[in-house]
């Protein structure tokens, strides 16, 4: 019978140490990249805030002399708290007046870009259909703004109460 020689115990221990060290380095690199991207995502939670809003209503009168406010012009100021520029587009704006979501709104300018740490104002024109708001009453307006950046996505909403006065 032929005698087979195995590797020495010293060489086997060295191989196990090298394999374990390589695995530890690979796990460190993988997890450090994972946690870095997770912290970027967590930082995106509070990246924009509405710092001001103003509403102006345009009145029209129907044939039976009931007053309706046909359009609302909202001037909204948003502050960017992110570390990168964010954009707000028409699809990122929702306006709810007295509990009813408005379908016909436009944004001027059509895309708003806000630099890091800056604020920007923009105008939302909304057509008010089937919502009767009489002179002297209050309108509850909920504004929802969504902004996106290269690594950022955030939504912020706030509700404002405006007195309806004749223009």
Foldseek 3Di string as FASTA:
>chain_A
DDDDDDDDPVVVVVVVVVVVVVVVVVVVVVVVVVVVLVVLAVVQAPFKDWPDKDKAFAWDADPVRAIATFKIKMKTKMFTQDQAKKKWAPVFKWKAKPRRTFDDKAKVPRMDIAGHGGMDIIIIMTTDPPDGDDQQHKIKMKIKGWIDDPSHTYIDIDIDIDHHHHD
